[in-house]
Amino acid sequence: MTRARTTDDTRRGFLRTGLAAGAFALFPRTQARAADLPLITKPIPSTGERLPVIGLGTIWYRDAQYAQLRPVLQRLGELGGTLIDTAAGYGESEGVIGRALAELGTRDRMFLATKFDRGGTVVSGPPATPAPGAPLTPATTPLPGPPPGVTRPGRDGIGGRESVERSLLRLRTDRIDLLQVHNMHGTDELMPLLQEWKRAGRIRYIGLTTFNPQQHGLVAETMRRLPIDFVQVDYSIGNRAAEREILPVAAERGVAVMANVPLGRATLLTRLAERPLPAWAADLDVTSWSQFLLKYVVSHPAVTCAIPGTTRVAHLEENMHACRGRLPDAAMRRRMEALWDEVIA
């Protein structure tokens, strides 16, 4: 059986073919200059607290890979990163993060975001595989599969207060910076608990997440009527559906936006693999396609940060390079979109 291709696979392919090395050779001065620049940060609208625009997604973090993952979390802090996103439903991810931060002594410097839901057997998430013959869209293309040796987390049905208490134990902390309702599963039911915990200082921010474009209208409506600090949504140059409803309402309501899957659903880097960076990418202080794609995402005025997932130090370093230097303005964003539209034409 052929296993699902992961983003890490794609990047390793770049390295094997020398394309990534070639990109760095094109812009050695740009890379050095950007590395000396301050981190790009954006404010959380509800408080003004600033976050680096690049964080870390950890869906595939497992105990068996701990020796490989601890250096990733260590390097994140060394590079000035603070945001780590996980979930109660990500299996062993919370425990890996809690152990590493405790050993490194860096918990107080990190912004920990996790997720929970109301529990039970109902799963609210991305649409199922399209019907036979139905075209794939950017929002229904399958997510990148797990790395070798890692299985997808199973749902255990634990939710609500019990789930959060478990998350605090796993993360080895007495507070969670951002607690999100996972895939809108029980938002109204859980809101009184979230507000209670926020008043008590057990959580600092309230958020909700979605992977499902069919939920975008509901997410927008929820932001209008509930005290939401963050929304997490699938957004990339190849999937701009969030621009229609979620991003405008977030800007209107002062809600921070965390972009997940900013490198696309296993398609963006693959499609760009045989194409060199355009010379004008030097104006963005980028040296690779992944940095190009990340800077597109975080340059949207409504987006606060992006959380590309990785289990490898080298890829983390590459991603964090997108957290420095210049961001595209509106005209440059249109130029980037035109390039991508040309790629998929």
C-alpha atoms as a PDB file:
ATOM      1  CA  MET A   1       0.000   0.000   0.000  1.00  0.00           C
ATOM      2  CA  THR A   2       1.302   3.455  -0.852  1.00  0.00           C
ATOM      3  CA  ARG A   3       1.252   5.650   2.224  1.00  0.00           C
ATOM      4  CA  ALA A   4       0.018   9.237   2.189  1.00  0.00           C
ATOM      5  CA  ARG A   5       2.553  11.809   1.153  1.00  0.00           C
ATOM      6  CA  THR A   6       3.457  14.308   3.895  1.00  0.00           C
ATOM      7  CA  THR A   7       4.745  17.865   3.747  1.00  0.00           C
ATOM      8  CA  ASP A   8       8.029  16.587   5.221  1.00  0.00           C
ATOM      9  CA  ASP A   9       8.268  14.121   2.304  1.00  0.00           C
ATOM     10  CA  THR A  10       7.885  16.949  -0.174  1.00  0.00           C
ATOM     11  CA  ARG A  11      10.585  19.011   1.460  1.00  0.00           C
ATOM     12  CA  ARG A  12      12.966  16.075   1.532  1.00  0.00           C
ATOM     13  CA  GLY A  13      12.330  15.782  -2.192  1.00  0.00           C
ATOM     14  CA  PHE A  14      13.394  19.393  -2.661  1.00  0.00           C
ATOM     15  CA  LEU A  15      16.604  18.720  -0.803  1.00  0.00           C
ATOM     16  CA  ARG A  16      17.344  15.588  -2.815  1.00  0.00           C
ATOM     17  CA  THR A  17      16.935  17.410  -6.100  1.00  0.00           C
ATOM     18  CA  GLY A  18      18.962  20.377  -4.943  1.00  0.00           C
ATOM     19  CA  LEU A  19      16.145  22.852  -5.536  1.00  0.00           C
ATOM     20  CA  ALA A  20      16.126  24.099  -1.972  1.00  0.00           C
ATOM     21  CA  ALA A  21      19.879  24.505  -1.966  1.00  0.00           C
ATOM     22  CA  GLY A  22      19.648  26.356  -5.241  1.00  0.00           C
ATOM     23  CA  ALA A  23      17.122  28.757  -3.795  1.00  0.00           C
ATOM     24  CA  PHE A  24      19.432  29.582  -0.893  1.00  0.00           C
ATOM     25  CA  ALA A  25      22.308  30.085  -3.321  1.00  0.00           C
ATOM     26  CA  LEU A  26      20.225  32.614  -5.230  1.00  0.00           C
ATOM     27  CA  PHE A  27      19.668  34.764  -2.178  1.00  0.00           C
ATOM     28  CA  PRO A  28      22.567  34.356   0.292  1.00  0.00           C
ATOM     29  CA  ARG A  29      22.624  38.029   1.225  1.00  0.00           C
ATOM     30  CA  THR A  30      18.861  38.110   1.644  1.00  0.00           C
ATOM     31  CA  GLN A  31      18.991  35.173   4.037  1.00  0.00           C
ATOM     32  CA  ALA A  32      21.754  36.691   6.133  1.00  0.00           C
ATOM     33  CA  ARG A  33      20.069  40.092   6.231  1.00  0.00           C
ATOM     34  CA  ALA A  34      16.671  38.699   7.254  1.00  0.00           C
ATOM     35  CA  ALA A  35      18.222  36.587  10.007  1.00  0.00           C
ATOM     36  CA  ASP A  36      19.470  39.801  11.629  1.00  0.00           C
ATOM     37  CA  LEU A  37      16.104  41.557  11.520  1.00  0.00           C
ATOM     38  CA  PRO A  38      13.607  41.572  14.411  1.00  0.00           C
ATOM     39  CA  LEU A  39      10.831  39.034  14.503  1.00  0.00           C
ATOM     40  CA  ILE A  40       7.640  40.054  12.767  1.00  0.00           C
ATOM     41  CA  THR A  41       4.879  40.147  15.365  1.00  0.00           C
ATOM     42  CA  LYS A  42       1.212  41.072  15.270  1.00  0.00           C
ATOM     43  CA  PRO A  43      -1.131  42.081  18.086  1.00  0.00           C
ATOM     44  CA  ILE A  44      -3.967  39.980  19.450  1.00  0.00           C
ATOM     45  CA  PRO A  45      -6.839  42.417  18.852  1.00  0.00           C
ATOM     46  CA  SER A  46      -8.617  41.868  22.172  1.00  0.00           C
ATOM     47  CA  THR A  47      -5.573  42.774  24.295  1.00  0.00           C
ATOM     48  CA  GLY A  48      -2.742  44.118  22.156  1.00  0.00           C
ATOM     49  CA  GLU A  49      -0.401  41.319  23.266  1.00  0.00           C
ATOM     50  CA  ARG A  50       1.931  40.552  20.367  1.00  0.00           C
ATOM     51  CA  LEU A  51       2.713  37.127  18.903  1.00  0.00           C
ATOM     52  CA  PRO A  52       5.360  36.114  16.364  1.00  0.00           C
ATOM     53  CA  VAL A  53       3.539  35.520  13.089  1.00  0.00           C
ATOM     54  CA  ILE A  54       4.890  31.973  12.740  1.00  0.00           C
ATOM     55  CA  GLY A  55       4.052  29.305  15.300  1.00  0.00           C
ATOM     56  CA  LEU A  56       4.166  25.508  15.399  1.00  0.00           C
ATOM     57  CA  GLY A  57       1.511  22.875  14.703  1.00  0.00           C
ATOM     58  CA  THR A  58       1.982  19.542  16.505  1.00  0.00           C
ATOM     59  CA  ILE A  59      -0.704  17.105  15.362  1.00  0.00           C
ATOM     60  CA  TRP A  60       1.857  14.335  14.698  1.00  0.00           C
ATOM     61  CA  TYR A  61       3.816  14.587  17.972  1.00  0.00           C
ATOM     62  CA  ARG A  62       4.136  11.164  19.619  1.00  0.00           C
ATOM     63  CA  ASP A  63       6.085   9.695  22.537  1.00  0.00           C
ATOM     64  CA  ALA A  64       8.020   7.319  20.296  1.00  0.00           C
ATOM     65  CA  GLN A  65       9.567  10.285  18.430  1.00  0.00           C
ATOM     66  CA  TYR A  66      10.339  12.307  21.559  1.00  0.00           C
ATOM     67  CA  ALA A  67      14.114  12.358  20.980  1.00  0.00           C
ATOM     68  CA  GLN A  68      13.479  13.972  17.586  1.00  0.00           C
ATOM     69  CA  LEU A  69      10.738  16.336  18.766  1.00  0.00           C
ATOM     70  CA  ARG A  70      12.342  17.837  21.876  1.00  0.00           C
ATOM     71  CA  PRO A  71      15.007  19.641  19.790  1.00  0.00           C
ATOM     72  CA  VAL A  72      12.256  21.111  17.589  1.00  0.00           C
ATOM     73  CA  LEU A  73      10.549  22.654  20.616  1.00  0.00           C
ATOM     74  CA  GLN A  74      13.904  23.811  21.956  1.00  0.00           C
ATOM     75  CA  ARG A  75      14.861  25.444  18.661  1.00  0.00           C
ATOM     76  CA  LEU A  76      11.495  27.183  18.436  1.00  0.00           C
ATOM     77  CA  GLY A  77      12.307  29.106  21.590  1.00  0.00           C
ATOM     78  CA  GLU A  78      15.864  29.817  20.500  1.00  0.00           C
ATOM     79  CA  LEU A  79      14.547  31.408  17.288  1.00  0.00           C
ATOM     80  CA  GLY A  80      12.120  33.618  19.180  1.00  0.00           C
ATOM     81  CA  GLY A  81       9.001  31.581  18.504  1.00  0.00           C
ATOM     82  CA  THR A  82       6.395  31.258  21.229  1.00  0.00           C
ATOM     83  CA  LEU A  83       3.159  29.827  19.805  1.00  0.00           C
ATOM     84  CA  ILE A  84       2.589  26.066  20.048  1.00  0.00           C
ATOM     85  CA  ASP A  85      -0.766  24.669  18.925  1.00  0.00           C
ATOM     86  CA  THR A  86      -1.979  21.238  20.027  1.00  0.00           C
ATOM     87  CA  ALA A  87      -5.263  19.554  21.006  1.00  0.00           C
ATOM     88  CA  ALA A  88      -6.700  17.048  23.430  1.00  0.00           C
ATOM     89  CA  GLY A  89      -7.644  15.067  20.338  1.00  0.00           C
ATOM     90  CA  TYR A  90      -4.071  14.877  19.028  1.00  0.00           C
ATOM     91  CA  GLY A  91      -3.240  11.777  21.044  1.00  0.00           C
ATOM     92  CA  GLU A  92       0.124  12.070  22.776  1.00  0.00           C
ATOM     93  CA  SER A  93       0.926  15.558  21.462  1.00  0.00           C
ATOM     94  CA  GLU A  94       0.056  17.465  24.647  1.00  0.00           C
ATOM     95  CA  GLY A  95       2.161  15.100  26.749  1.00  0.00           C
ATOM     96  CA  VAL A  96       5.187  15.434  24.457  1.00  0.00           C
ATOM     97  CA  ILE A  97       4.966  19.226  24.632  1.00  0.00           C
ATOM     98  CA  GLY A  98       4.478  19.303  28.395  1.00  0.00           C
ATOM     99  CA  ARG A  99       7.440  17.031  29.015  1.00  0.00           C
ATOM    100  CA  ALA A 100       9.746  18.950  26.674  1.00  0.00           C
ATOM    101  CA  LEU A 101       8.877  22.392  28.022  1.00  0.00           C
ATOM    102  CA  ALA A 102       9.293  21.159  31.601  1.00  0.00           C
ATOM    103  CA  GLU A 103      12.721  19.726  30.826  1.00  0.00           C
ATOM    104  CA  LEU A 104      13.770  22.834  28.907  1.00  0.00           C
ATOM    105  CA  GLY A 105      12.377  25.215  31.519  1.00  0.00           C
ATOM    106  CA  THR A 106      10.665  27.282  28.806  1.00  0.00           C
ATOM    107  CA  ARG A 107       6.964  26.980  29.642  1.00  0.00           C
ATOM    108  CA  ASP A 108       6.657  30.588  30.818  1.00  0.00           C
ATOM    109  CA  ARG A 109       8.067  31.880  27.527  1.00  0.00           C
ATOM    110  CA  MET A 110       5.621  29.915  25.381  1.00  0.00           C
ATOM    111  CA  PHE A 111       2.079  30.674  24.264  1.00  0.00           C
ATOM    112  CA  LEU A 112       0.267  27.339  24.592  1.00  0.00           C
ATOM    113  CA  ALA A 113      -2.892  26.789  22.569  1.00  0.00           C
ATOM    114  CA  THR A 114      -4.912  23.609  22.859  1.00  0.00           C
ATOM    115  CA  LYS A 115      -8.398  22.430  21.937  1.00  0.00           C
ATOM    116  CA  PHE A 116     -11.279  20.493  23.446  1.00  0.00           C
ATOM    117  CA  ASP A 117     -14.917  19.801  22.675  1.00  0.00           C
ATOM    118  CA  ARG A 118     -18.041  18.608  24.465  1.00  0.00           C
ATOM    119  CA  GLY A 119     -17.101  14.939  24.119  1.00  0.00           C
ATOM    120  CA  GLY A 120     -19.192  12.063  22.895  1.00  0.00           C
ATOM    121  CA  THR A 121     -19.066  10.338  19.555  1.00  0.00           C
ATOM    122  CA  VAL A 122     -20.058  13.130  17.183  1.00  0.00           C
ATOM    123  CA  VAL A 123     -17.161  14.343  15.105  1.00  0.00           C
ATOM    124  CA  SER A 124     -17.424  17.742  13.462  1.00  0.00           C
ATOM    125  CA  GLY A 125     -14.599  18.404  11.053  1.00  0.00           C
ATOM    126  CA  PRO A 126     -13.636  18.567   7.423  1.00  0.00           C
ATOM    127  CA  PRO A 127     -15.999  17.062   4.882  1.00  0.00           C
ATOM    128  CA  ALA A 128     -15.700  13.384   4.190  1.00  0.00           C
ATOM    129  CA  THR A 129     -13.956  12.202   1.038  1.00  0.00           C
ATOM    130  CA  PRO A 130     -15.891  13.645  -1.916  1.00  0.00           C
ATOM    131  CA  ALA A 131     -18.262  11.346  -3.739  1.00  0.00           C
ATOM    132  CA  PRO A 132     -16.752   9.333  -6.585  1.00  0.00           C
ATOM    133  CA  GLY A 133     -16.230  11.586  -9.565  1.00  0.00           C
ATOM    134  CA  ALA A 134     -16.644  14.800  -7.576  1.00  0.00           C
ATOM    135  CA  PRO A 135     -13.751  17.242  -8.141  1.00  0.00           C
ATOM    136  CA  LEU A 136     -11.307  17.942  -5.336  1.00  0.00           C
ATOM    137  CA  THR A 137     -11.188  21.540  -4.164  1.00  0.00           C
ATOM    138  CA  PRO A 138      -8.511  23.223  -2.031  1.00  0.00           C
ATOM    139  CA  ALA A 139     -10.734  22.636   0.997  1.00  0.00           C
ATOM    140  CA  THR A 140     -11.508  18.961   0.307  1.00  0.00           C
ATOM    141  CA  THR A 141      -8.080  17.802  -0.841  1.00  0.00           C
ATOM    142  CA  PRO A 142      -6.954  15.299   1.833  1.00  0.00           C
ATOM    143  CA  LEU A 143      -4.686  16.608   4.549  1.00  0.00           C
ATOM    144  CA  PRO A 144      -1.050  15.466   4.469  1.00  0.00           C
ATOM    145  CA  GLY A 145      -0.783  11.998   5.980  1.00  0.00           C
ATOM    146  CA  PRO A 146       1.187  11.247   9.145  1.00  0.00           C
ATOM    147  CA  PRO A 147       4.965  10.758   8.987  1.00  0.00           C
ATOM    148  CA  PRO A 148       6.292   7.182   8.935  1.00  0.00           C
ATOM    149  CA  GLY A 149       5.649   5.349  12.179  1.00  0.00           C
ATOM    150  CA  VAL A 150       2.887   7.733  13.306  1.00  0.00           C
ATOM    151  CA  THR A 151      -0.810   6.892  13.339  1.00  0.00           C
ATOM    152  CA  ARG A 152      -3.733   9.268  13.213  1.00  0.00           C
ATOM    153  CA  PRO A 153      -5.129   9.982  16.669  1.00  0.00           C
ATOM    154  CA  GLY A 154      -8.333   8.202  17.614  1.00  0.00           C
ATOM    155  CA  ARG A 155     -11.238   9.901  19.322  1.00  0.00           C
ATOM    156  CA  ASP A 156     -11.716   8.884  22.973  1.00  0.00           C
ATOM    157  CA  GLY A 157     -15.003  10.718  23.617  1.00  0.00           C
ATOM    158  CA  ILE A 158     -13.683  12.699  26.602  1.00  0.00           C
ATOM    159  CA  GLY A 159     -14.780  16.328  26.564  1.00  0.00           C
ATOM    160  CA  GLY A 160     -15.719  19.349  28.611  1.00  0.00           C
ATOM    161  CA  ARG A 161     -14.219  19.914  32.054  1.00  0.00           C
ATOM    162  CA  GLU A 162     -12.643  16.446  32.193  1.00  0.00           C
ATOM    163  CA  SER A 163     -10.801  17.049  28.936  1.00  0.00           C
ATOM    164  CA  VAL A 164      -9.346  20.368  30.075  1.00  0.00           C
ATOM    165  CA  GLU A 165      -8.219  18.984  33.427  1.00  0.00           C
ATOM    166  CA  ARG A 166      -6.418  16.237  31.531  1.00  0.00           C
ATOM    167  CA  SER A 167      -4.834  18.760  29.180  1.00  0.00           C
ATOM    168  CA  LEU A 168      -3.456  20.748  32.118  1.00  0.00           C
ATOM    169  CA  LEU A 169      -1.873  17.570  33.503  1.00  0.00           C
ATOM    170  CA  ARG A 170      -0.434  16.546  30.145  1.00  0.00           C
ATOM    171  CA  LEU A 171       0.941  20.013  29.465  1.00  0.00           C
ATOM    172  CA  ARG A 172       2.337  20.227  33.028  1.00  0.00           C
ATOM    173  CA  THR A 173       0.942  23.694  33.550  1.00  0.00           C
ATOM    174  CA  ASP A 174      -1.654  25.460  35.652  1.00  0.00           C
ATOM    175  CA  ARG A 175      -2.916  27.659  32.832  1.00  0.00           C
ATOM    176  CA  ILE A 176      -3.605  27.490  29.120  1.00  0.00           C
ATOM    177  CA  ASP A 177      -2.979  30.609  27.071  1.00  0.00           C
ATOM    178  CA  LEU A 178      -5.601  29.815  24.425  1.00  0.00           C
ATOM    179  CA  LEU A 179      -8.347  27.214  24.787  1.00  0.00           C
ATOM    180  CA  GLN A 180     -10.268  26.533  21.576  1.00  0.00           C
ATOM    181  CA  VAL A 181     -13.480  24.646  20.871  1.00  0.00           C
ATOM    182  CA  HIS A 182     -12.334  22.012  18.390  1.00  0.00           C
ATOM    183  CA  ASN A 183     -14.195  22.120  15.078  1.00  0.00           C
ATOM    184  CA  MET A 184     -17.145  23.999  16.622  1.00  0.00           C
ATOM    185  CA  HIS A 185     -18.195  20.847  18.483  1.00  0.00           C
ATOM    186  CA  GLY A 186     -20.227  22.248  21.396  1.00  0.00           C
ATOM    187  CA  THR A 187     -19.379  25.954  21.228  1.00  0.00           C
ATOM    188  CA  ASP A 188     -22.551  27.277  22.878  1.00  0.00           C
ATOM    189  CA  GLU A 189     -22.650  24.512  25.457  1.00  0.00           C
ATOM    190  CA  LEU A 190     -19.018  25.077  26.459  1.00  0.00           C
ATOM    191  CA  MET A 191     -19.001  28.894  26.452  1.00  0.00           C
ATOM    192  CA  PRO A 192     -20.056  29.261  30.135  1.00  0.00           C
ATOM    193  CA  LEU A 193     -17.149  26.994  31.154  1.00  0.00           C
ATOM    194  CA  LEU A 194     -14.721  28.927  28.987  1.00  0.00           C
ATOM    195  CA  GLN A 195     -15.814  32.225  30.510  1.00  0.00           C
ATOM    196  CA  GLU A 196     -15.591  30.764  34.018  1.00  0.00           C
ATOM    197  CA  TRP A 197     -12.044  29.532  33.419  1.00  0.00           C
ATOM    198  CA  LYS A 198     -11.029  32.851  31.847  1.00  0.00           C
ATOM    199  CA  ARG A 199     -12.287  34.795  34.866  1.00  0.00           C
ATOM    200  CA  ALA A 200     -10.373  32.406  37.155  1.00  0.00           C
ATOM    201  CA  GLY A 201      -7.136  32.818  35.178  1.00  0.00           C
ATOM    202  CA  ARG A 202      -6.967  29.192  34.114  1.00  0.00           C
ATOM    203  CA  ILE A 203      -7.143  30.261  30.467  1.00  0.00           C
ATOM    204  CA  ARG A 204      -6.243  33.618  28.951  1.00  0.00           C
ATOM    205  CA  TYR A 205      -8.047  33.554  25.604  1.00  0.00           C
ATOM    206  CA  ILE A 206     -11.122  31.833  24.156  1.00  0.00           C
ATOM    207  CA  GLY A 207     -11.093  30.472  20.621  1.00  0.00           C
ATOM    208  CA  LEU A 208     -12.801  28.182  18.157  1.00  0.00           C
ATOM    209  CA  THR A 209     -11.551  26.216  15.176  1.00  0.00           C
ATOM    210  CA  THR A 210     -12.850  24.850  11.902  1.00  0.00           C
ATOM    211  CA  PHE A 211     -11.526  22.810   8.984  1.00  0.00           C
ATOM    212  CA  ASN A 212     -14.878  22.656   7.251  1.00  0.00           C
ATOM    213  CA  PRO A 213     -15.760  25.324   4.666  1.00  0.00           C
ATOM    214  CA  GLN A 214     -19.412  24.467   5.230  1.00  0.00           C
ATOM    215  CA  GLN A 215     -18.998  25.850   8.775  1.00  0.00           C
ATOM    216  CA  HIS A 216     -17.693  29.259   7.685  1.00  0.00           C
ATOM    217  CA  GLY A 217     -21.105  30.901   7.926  1.00  0.00           C
ATOM    218  CA  LEU A 218     -21.637  29.451  11.401  1.00  0.00           C
ATOM    219  CA  VAL A 219     -18.160  30.580  12.487  1.00  0.00           C
ATOM    220  CA  ALA A 220     -18.875  34.125  11.284  1.00  0.00           C
ATOM    221  CA  GLU A 221     -22.230  34.170  13.082  1.00  0.00           C
ATOM    222  CA  THR A 222     -20.617  32.857  16.279  1.00  0.00           C
ATOM    223  CA  MET A 223     -17.941  35.558  16.211  1.00  0.00           C
ATOM    224  CA  ARG A 224     -20.684  38.171  16.008  1.00  0.00           C
ATOM    225  CA  ARG A 225     -22.584  36.996  19.081  1.00  0.00           C
ATOM    226  CA  LEU A 226     -20.043  35.401  21.452  1.00  0.00           C
ATOM    227  CA  PRO A 227     -16.918  36.842  23.153  1.00  0.00           C
ATOM    228  CA  ILE A 228     -14.342  35.076  20.966  1.00  0.00           C
ATOM    229  CA  ASP A 229     -10.661  36.107  21.066  1.00  0.00           C
ATOM    230  CA  PHE A 230      -9.313  33.732  18.377  1.00  0.00           C
ATOM    231  CA  VAL A 231     -10.551  31.786  15.399  1.00  0.00           C
ATOM    232  CA  GLN A 232      -8.451  29.093  13.718  1.00  0.00           C
ATOM    233  CA  VAL A 233      -9.173  28.379  10.061  1.00  0.00           C
ATOM    234  CA  ASP A 234      -7.646  26.674   7.028  1.00  0.00           C
ATOM    235  CA  TYR A 235      -6.065  29.422   4.890  1.00  0.00           C
ATOM    236  CA  SER A 236      -3.358  29.364   2.233  1.00  0.00           C
ATOM    237  CA  ILE A 237      -2.600  30.837  -1.181  1.00  0.00           C
ATOM    238  CA  GLY A 238      -4.256  27.744  -2.640  1.00  0.00           C
ATOM    239  CA  ASN A 239      -7.329  27.928  -0.398  1.00  0.00           C
ATOM    240  CA  ARG A 240      -8.631  31.459   0.082  1.00  0.00           C
ATOM    241  CA  ALA A 241     -12.196  30.513   1.028  1.00  0.00           C
ATOM    242  CA  ALA A 242     -11.784  32.117   4.467  1.00  0.00           C
ATOM    243  CA  GLU A 243     -11.477  35.521   2.775  1.00  0.00           C
ATOM    244  CA  ARG A 244     -15.185  35.485   1.877  1.00  0.00           C
ATOM    245  CA  GLU A 245     -16.664  35.419   5.400  1.00  0.00           C
ATOM    246  CA  ILE A 246     -14.317  34.552   8.237  1.00  0.00           C
ATOM    247  CA  LEU A 247     -11.494  37.050   7.716  1.00  0.00           C
ATOM    248  CA  PRO A 248     -13.750  40.093   7.166  1.00  0.00           C
ATOM    249  CA  VAL A 249     -15.846  39.299  10.250  1.00  0.00           C
ATOM    250  CA  ALA A 250     -12.734  38.649  12.341  1.00  0.00           C
ATOM    251  CA  ALA A 251     -11.382  42.061  11.354  1.00  0.00           C
ATOM    252  CA  GLU A 252     -14.737  43.688  12.073  1.00  0.00           C
ATOM    253  CA  ARG A 253     -15.099  42.035  15.497  1.00  0.00           C
ATOM    254  CA  GLY A 254     -11.468  42.279  16.617  1.00  0.00           C
ATOM    255  CA  VAL A 255     -10.861  38.514  16.617  1.00  0.00           C
ATOM    256  CA  ALA A 256      -7.347  37.141  16.111  1.00  0.00           C
ATOM    257  CA  VAL A 257      -6.949  34.673  13.231  1.00  0.00           C
ATOM    258  CA  MET A 258      -4.660  31.648  13.409  1.00  0.00           C
ATOM    259  CA  ALA A 259      -4.138  30.094   9.969  1.00  0.00           C
ATOM    260  CA  ASN A 260      -3.748  26.339   9.916  1.00  0.00           C
ATOM    261  CA  VAL A 261      -2.495  24.306   6.954  1.00  0.00           C
ATOM    262  CA  PRO A 262      -0.780  27.450   5.573  1.00  0.00           C
ATOM    263  CA  LEU A 263       1.357  25.324   3.241  1.00  0.00           C
ATOM    264  CA  GLY A 264      -1.747  23.685   1.799  1.00  0.00           C
ATOM    265  CA  ARG A 265      -3.222  20.219   1.868  1.00  0.00           C
ATOM    266  CA  ALA A 266      -0.245  18.288   0.464  1.00  0.00           C
ATOM    267  CA  THR A 267      -0.444  20.128  -2.842  1.00  0.00           C
ATOM    268  CA  LEU A 268       1.234  23.536  -2.762  1.00  0.00           C
ATOM    269  CA  LEU A 269       4.867  22.513  -2.298  1.00  0.00           C
ATOM    270  CA  THR A 270       4.400  19.565  -4.648  1.00  0.00           C
ATOM    271  CA  ARG A 271       3.105  21.780  -7.438  1.00  0.00           C
ATOM    272  CA  LEU A 272       5.947  24.235  -6.989  1.00  0.00           C
ATOM    273  CA  ALA A 273       8.691  21.598  -6.782  1.00  0.00           C
ATOM    274  CA  GLU A 274      10.000  22.007 -10.321  1.00  0.00           C
ATOM    275  CA  ARG A 275       9.706  25.769 -10.420  1.00  0.00           C
ATOM    276  CA  PRO A 276      12.435  28.189  -9.269  1.00  0.00           C
ATOM    277  CA  LEU A 277      11.574  31.100  -7.031  1.00  0.00           C
ATOM    278  CA  PRO A 278      10.997  34.248  -9.080  1.00  0.00           C
ATOM    279  CA  ALA A 279      13.745  36.850  -8.812  1.00  0.00           C
ATOM    280  CA  TRP A 280      11.304  39.298  -7.224  1.00  0.00           C
ATOM    281  CA  ALA A 281      10.968  36.972  -4.211  1.00  0.00           C
ATOM    282  CA  ALA A 282      14.157  38.637  -2.968  1.00  0.00           C
ATOM    283  CA  ASP A 283      11.992  41.686  -2.215  1.00  0.00           C
ATOM    284  CA  LEU A 284      10.235  39.550   0.413  1.00  0.00           C
ATOM    285  CA  ASP A 285      13.455  38.316   2.073  1.00  0.00           C
ATOM    286  CA  VAL A 286      12.493  34.701   1.330  1.00  0.00           C
ATOM    287  CA  THR A 287      14.773  31.903   0.214  1.00  0.00           C
ATOM    288  CA  SER A 288      12.332  29.017  -0.316  1.00  0.00           C
ATOM    289  CA  TRP A 289       8.824  28.308  -1.489  1.00  0.00           C
ATOM    290  CA  SER A 290       7.651  27.472   2.022  1.00  0.00           C
ATOM    291  CA  GLN A 291       8.709  30.933   3.230  1.00  0.00           C
ATOM    292  CA  PHE A 292       7.029  32.494   0.187  1.00  0.00           C
ATOM    293  CA  LEU A 293       3.771  30.704   0.999  1.00  0.00           C
ATOM    294  CA  LEU A 294       3.918  31.532   4.702  1.00  0.00           C
ATOM    295  CA  LYS A 295       4.571  35.217   4.103  1.00  0.00           C
ATOM    296  CA  TYR A 296       1.574  35.339   1.809  1.00  0.00           C
ATOM    297  CA  VAL A 297      -0.641  33.971   4.586  1.00  0.00           C
ATOM    298  CA  VAL A 298       0.573  36.148   7.452  1.00  0.00           C
ATOM    299  CA  SER A 299       0.561  39.318   5.349  1.00  0.00           C
ATOM    300  CA  HIS A 300      -3.231  39.323   5.177  1.00  0.00           C
ATOM    301  CA  PRO A 301      -4.295  42.201   7.449  1.00  0.00           C
ATOM    302  CA  ALA A 302      -6.772  40.014   9.358  1.00  0.00           C
ATOM    303  CA  VAL A 303      -4.356  37.120   9.979  1.00  0.00           C
ATOM    304  CA  THR A 304      -2.453  37.192  13.274  1.00  0.00           C
ATOM    305  CA  CYS A 305      -0.286  34.108  12.853  1.00  0.00           C
ATOM    306  CA  ALA A 306       0.172  30.810  10.999  1.00  0.00           C
ATOM    307  CA  ILE A 307       0.959  27.410  12.462  1.00  0.00           C
ATOM    308  CA  PRO A 308       2.790  25.192   9.949  1.00  0.00           C
ATOM    309  CA  GLY A 309       3.331  21.762  11.434  1.00  0.00           C
ATOM    310  CA  THR A 310       6.723  20.096  11.430  1.00  0.00           C
ATOM    311  CA  THR A 311       8.604  17.382  13.296  1.00  0.00           C
ATOM    312  CA  ARG A 312      12.061  18.390  12.017  1.00  0.00           C
ATOM    313  CA  VAL A 313      14.455  21.102  13.194  1.00  0.00           C
ATOM    314  CA  ALA A 314      15.580  21.997   9.666  1.00  0.00           C
ATOM    315  CA  HIS A 315      12.007  22.626   8.553  1.00  0.00           C
ATOM    316  CA  LEU A 316      11.251  24.643  11.669  1.00  0.00           C
ATOM    317  CA  GLU A 317      14.264  26.850  10.958  1.00  0.00           C
ATOM    318  CA  GLU A 318      13.104  27.338   7.388  1.00  0.00           C
ATOM    319  CA  ASN A 319       9.585  28.240   8.522  1.00  0.00           C
ATOM    320  CA  MET A 320      10.825  30.651  11.174  1.00  0.00           C
ATOM    321  CA  HIS A 321      12.834  32.507   8.540  1.00  0.00           C
ATOM    322  CA  ALA A 322       9.426  33.670   7.254  1.00  0.00           C
ATOM    323  CA  CYS A 323       9.002  35.427  10.598  1.00  0.00           C
ATOM    324  CA  ARG A 324      11.674  37.984   9.693  1.00  0.00           C
ATOM    325  CA  GLY A 325      12.246  40.541   6.991  1.00  0.00           C
ATOM    326  CA  ARG A 326       9.637  42.178   4.802  1.00  0.00           C
ATOM    327  CA  LEU A 327       6.005  41.202   4.308  1.00  0.00           C
ATOM    328  CA  PRO A 328       4.213  41.664   0.992  1.00  0.00           C
ATOM    329  CA  ASP A 329       1.903  44.647   0.601  1.00  0.00           C
ATOM    330  CA  ALA A 330      -1.423  44.462  -1.233  1.00  0.00           C
ATOM    331  CA  ALA A 331       0.196  44.852  -4.653  1.00  0.00           C
ATOM    332  CA  MET A 332       2.758  42.149  -3.944  1.00  0.00           C
ATOM    333  CA  ARG A 333       0.048  39.816  -2.646  1.00  0.00           C
ATOM    334  CA  ARG A 334      -1.765  40.185  -5.972  1.00  0.00           C
ATOM    335  CA  ARG A 335       1.466  39.345  -7.772  1.00  0.00           C
ATOM    336  CA  MET A 336       1.896  36.224  -5.624  1.00  0.00           C
ATOM    337  CA  GLU A 337      -1.690  35.181  -6.317  1.00  0.00           C
ATOM    338  CA  ALA A 338      -1.189  35.668 -10.050  1.00  0.00           C
ATOM    339  CA  LEU A 339       1.876  33.413  -9.937  1.00  0.00           C
ATOM    340  CA  TRP A 340      -0.045  30.703  -8.079  1.00  0.00           C
ATOM    341  CA  ASP A 341      -3.016  30.993 -10.438  1.00  0.00           C
ATOM    342  CA  GLU A 342      -0.584  30.521 -13.318  1.00  0.00           C
ATOM    343  CA  VAL A 343       0.845  27.383 -11.663  1.00  0.00           C
ATOM    344  CA  ILE A 344      -2.568  25.725 -11.343  1.00  0.00           C
ATOM    345  CA  ALA A 345      -3.919  26.902 -14.718  1.00  0.00           C
END
